Amino acid sequence: MAEAPTDVVLQILIRIQDSIVALATRLDRIENLVRKQRREGAAMMVMMRATVSDFDERVGDVEARLAEAWQNPPA
């Protein structure tokens, strides 16, 4: 004997509910990944700015030494 229509509808609704839960779980994982990547990106920007600042300071020191050498050539 075939299943009653109400049984089939109930099974379909249960499957839909399961797929919604699976999708919500997947979206949660994606949101966590996006947050993590955003934090890592911000950390990389901080490190790059610090590196550029250090490099700029070193280049400035070299430029100052070169300018001093040009003004006071060795005898």
Protein backbone atom coordinates (compact mmCIF):
# COMPACT_ATOMS: atom_id res chain seq x y z
CA MET A 1 0.00 0.00 0.00
CA ALA A 2 1.25 3.48 -0.84
CA GLU A 3 2.09 5.96 1.86
CA ALA A 4 -0.55 8.44 2.86
CA PRO A 5 -0.07 11.94 1.44
CA THR A 6 0.33 13.39 4.94
CA ASP A 7 3.28 11.06 5.60
CA VAL A 8 5.00 12.16 2.39
CA VAL A 9 4.40 15.84 3.18
CA LEU A 10 5.83 15.35 6.66
CA GLN A 11 8.95 13.68 5.24
CA ILE A 12 9.41 16.49 2.73
CA LEU A 13 9.07 19.11 5.47
CA ILE A 14 11.60 17.27 7.63
CA ARG A 15 14.07 17.17 4.74
CA ILE A 16 13.55 20.89 4.08
CA GLN A 17 14.15 21.61 7.75
CA ASP A 18 17.34 19.52 7.73
CA SER A 19 18.64 21.35 4.68
CA ILE A 20 17.89 24.72 6.30
CA VAL A 21 19.82 23.69 9.42
CA ALA A 22 22.73 22.50 7.26
CA LEU A 23 22.71 25.79 5.37
CA ALA A 24 22.65 27.80 8.59
CA THR A 25 25.61 25.82 9.91
CA ARG A 26 27.50 26.42 6.67
CA LEU A 27 26.73 30.15 6.79
CA ASP A 28 28.02 30.28 10.38
CA ARG A 29 31.30 28.72 9.25
CA ILE A 30 31.57 31.20 6.39
CA GLU A 31 30.91 34.13 8.75
CA ASN A 32 33.61 32.89 11.13
CA LEU A 33 36.05 32.51 8.27
CA VAL A 34 35.31 36.03 7.01
CA ARG A 35 35.86 37.46 10.51
CA LYS A 36 39.15 35.60 10.83
CA GLN A 37 40.34 36.80 7.42
CA ARG A 38 39.33 40.37 8.27
CA ARG A 39 41.38 40.23 11.50
CA GLU A 40 44.34 38.74 9.67
CA GLY A 41 44.09 41.40 6.97
CA ALA A 42 44.05 44.16 9.58
CA ALA A 43 47.07 42.61 11.30
CA MET A 44 48.93 42.48 7.99
CA MET A 45 48.17 46.15 7.38
CA VAL A 46 49.59 47.03 10.81
CA MET A 47 52.73 45.01 10.10
CA MET A 48 53.15 46.58 6.66
CA ARG A 49 52.79 50.09 8.07
CA ALA A 50 55.35 49.33 10.78
CA THR A 51 57.74 47.92 8.17
CA VAL A 52 57.29 50.94 5.90
CA SER A 53 57.82 53.29 8.82
CA ASP A 54 61.03 51.50 9.80
CA PHE A 55 62.23 51.49 6.19
CA ASP A 56 61.42 55.19 5.81
CA GLU A 57 63.38 55.96 8.97
CA ARG A 58 66.41 54.01 7.72
CA VAL A 59 66.28 55.69 4.31
CA GLY A 60 66.07 59.06 6.06
CA ASP A 61 69.20 58.20 8.07
CA VAL A 62 71.07 57.25 4.90
CA GLU A 63 69.93 60.44 3.17
CA ALA A 64 71.10 62.52 6.14
CA ARG A 65 74.51 60.83 6.10
CA LEU A 66 74.81 61.37 2.35
CA ALA A 67 73.85 65.03 2.69
CA GLU A 68 76.42 65.47 5.46
CA ALA A 69 79.08 63.72 3.35
CA TRP A 70 78.36 66.05 0.44
CA GLN A 71 78.62 69.11 2.64
CA ASN A 72 81.79 67.97 4.40
CA PRO A 73 83.88 66.02 1.88
CA PRO A 74 86.88 64.16 3.28
CA ALA A 75 90.14 66.07 3.00
